[in-house]
Amino acid sequence: MLLTLQHAALSQQPARWPKAPSLPSAVPRSQLVVTDVIMPGSSGPKLYERLSGLKPGLKVLYISGYTDDAIFGQGSLNARIEFLQKPFTAAALSHRVREILNRVSV
């Protein structure tokens, strides 16, 4: 999981993530992507769309420093997604990741 988070974090830069050669090889081993909602020149939903195309069933946790109202009110995300607002502690992130991974997909 940490490897996947590291790849996603390093590969989110708009000029890099579509071309990251090691990212597709990490996706099959991944169960969850943690990504910011809004990124310069791109978005978390676009990143997730690309990655979930490589691995159907891949789960996602979106994070953002923007408030829930700003994110959901602008239509960036729908209300059924997994979301964690910044700032958060490592314990809060770990708990949320475990919660999502333990949830049975419907």
Protein backbone atom coordinates (compact mmCIF):
# COMPACT_ATOMS: atom_id res chain seq x y z
CA MET A 1 0.00 0.00 0.00
CA LEU A 2 2.77 2.45 0.86
CA LEU A 3 4.43 1.81 -2.49
CA THR A 4 1.19 2.63 -4.27
CA LEU A 5 0.70 5.80 -2.25
CA GLN A 6 4.26 6.81 -3.06
CA HIS A 7 3.76 6.22 -6.79
CA ALA A 8 0.51 8.17 -6.79
CA ALA A 9 2.03 11.04 -4.83
CA LEU A 10 5.07 11.29 -7.07
CA SER A 11 3.07 10.83 -10.22
CA GLN A 12 0.29 13.36 -9.65
CA GLN A 13 2.14 16.22 -11.26
CA PRO A 14 0.26 16.95 -14.48
CA ALA A 15 3.31 16.77 -16.70
CA ARG A 16 4.32 13.43 -15.23
CA TRP A 17 1.46 11.20 -14.21
CA PRO A 18 0.17 10.32 -17.68
CA LYS A 19 3.67 9.27 -18.68
CA ALA A 20 4.90 7.59 -15.47
CA PRO A 21 6.33 4.29 -16.71
CA SER A 22 6.28 2.56 -13.33
CA LEU A 23 2.74 3.59 -12.40
CA PRO A 24 0.88 1.00 -14.52
CA SER A 25 3.07 -1.78 -13.12
CA ALA A 26 2.18 -0.72 -9.55
CA VAL A 27 -1.58 -0.56 -10.19
CA PRO A 28 -2.22 -4.34 -10.37
CA ARG A 29 -0.82 -4.70 -6.83
CA SER A 30 -2.82 -1.74 -5.55
CA GLN A 31 -6.15 -1.83 -3.76
CA LEU A 32 -6.59 1.87 -3.06
CA VAL A 33 -5.51 5.21 -4.49
CA VAL A 34 -5.30 8.28 -2.25
CA THR A 35 -5.37 11.46 -4.30
CA ASP A 36 -6.04 15.14 -3.88
CA VAL A 37 -9.25 16.30 -5.54
CA ILE A 38 -7.79 19.39 -7.16
CA MET A 39 -4.32 19.39 -8.68
CA PRO A 40 -2.60 21.93 -10.94
CA GLY A 41 -3.65 21.15 -14.49
CA SER A 42 -5.54 18.01 -13.56
CA SER A 43 -7.74 16.41 -10.93
CA GLY A 44 -7.97 13.42 -8.66
CA PRO A 45 -11.04 12.13 -10.47
CA LYS A 46 -9.10 12.17 -13.77
CA LEU A 47 -6.21 10.30 -12.17
CA TYR A 48 -8.58 7.76 -10.67
CA GLU A 49 -10.38 7.31 -13.99
CA ARG A 50 -7.08 6.46 -15.64
CA LEU A 51 -5.94 4.11 -12.89
CA SER A 52 -9.27 2.32 -12.50
CA GLY A 53 -9.13 1.63 -16.23
CA LEU A 54 -5.97 -0.35 -15.53
CA LYS A 55 -7.53 -2.14 -12.55
CA PRO A 56 -11.31 -2.36 -12.30
CA GLY A 57 -12.47 -2.38 -8.68
CA LEU A 58 -9.67 -0.10 -7.53
CA LYS A 59 -10.87 1.97 -4.57
CA VAL A 60 -10.18 5.67 -4.08
CA LEU A 61 -9.95 8.09 -1.17
CA TYR A 62 -10.05 11.73 -2.18
CA ILE A 63 -8.41 14.34 0.03
CA SER A 64 -8.59 18.12 -0.10
CA GLY A 65 -7.92 21.25 1.86
CA TYR A 66 -11.14 22.69 0.47
CA THR A 67 -14.29 22.28 2.55
CA ASP A 68 -16.87 19.61 1.80
CA ASP A 69 -19.24 22.32 0.57
CA ALA A 70 -16.68 23.67 -1.89
CA ILE A 71 -15.88 20.23 -3.29
CA PHE A 72 -19.38 18.79 -3.45
CA GLY A 73 -21.13 22.09 -4.18
CA GLN A 74 -19.07 22.72 -7.34
CA GLY A 75 -19.80 19.26 -8.66
CA SER A 76 -16.17 18.14 -8.45
CA LEU A 77 -17.31 14.98 -6.68
CA ASN A 78 -20.58 13.26 -5.90
CA ALA A 79 -21.74 12.64 -2.35
CA ARG A 80 -21.10 8.87 -2.52
CA ILE A 81 -17.32 9.09 -2.70
CA GLU A 82 -14.79 8.57 0.09
CA PHE A 83 -13.45 11.94 1.21
CA LEU A 84 -11.05 13.12 3.94
CA GLN A 85 -10.59 16.81 4.54
CA LYS A 86 -7.13 18.25 5.19
CA PRO A 87 -5.50 18.71 7.57
CA PHE A 88 -5.63 15.21 9.01
CA THR A 89 -3.35 13.12 11.19
CA ALA A 90 -1.50 10.02 10.08
CA ALA A 91 -3.76 8.06 12.43
CA ALA A 92 -6.90 9.51 10.79
CA LEU A 93 -5.58 8.64 7.33
CA SER A 94 -4.62 5.14 8.42
CA HIS A 95 -8.03 4.58 10.02
CA ARG A 96 -9.86 5.81 6.93
CA VAL A 97 -7.74 3.68 4.59
CA ARG A 98 -8.36 0.58 6.72
CA GLU A 99 -12.10 1.37 6.84
CA ILE A 100 -12.28 1.60 3.03
CA LEU A 101 -10.19 -1.51 2.41
CA ASN A 102 -12.27 -3.56 4.86
CA ARG A 103 -15.53 -2.51 3.23
CA VAL A 104 -16.97 -5.09 0.87
CA SER A 105 -17.51 -3.71 -2.63
CA VAL A 106 -21.10 -3.81 -3.80
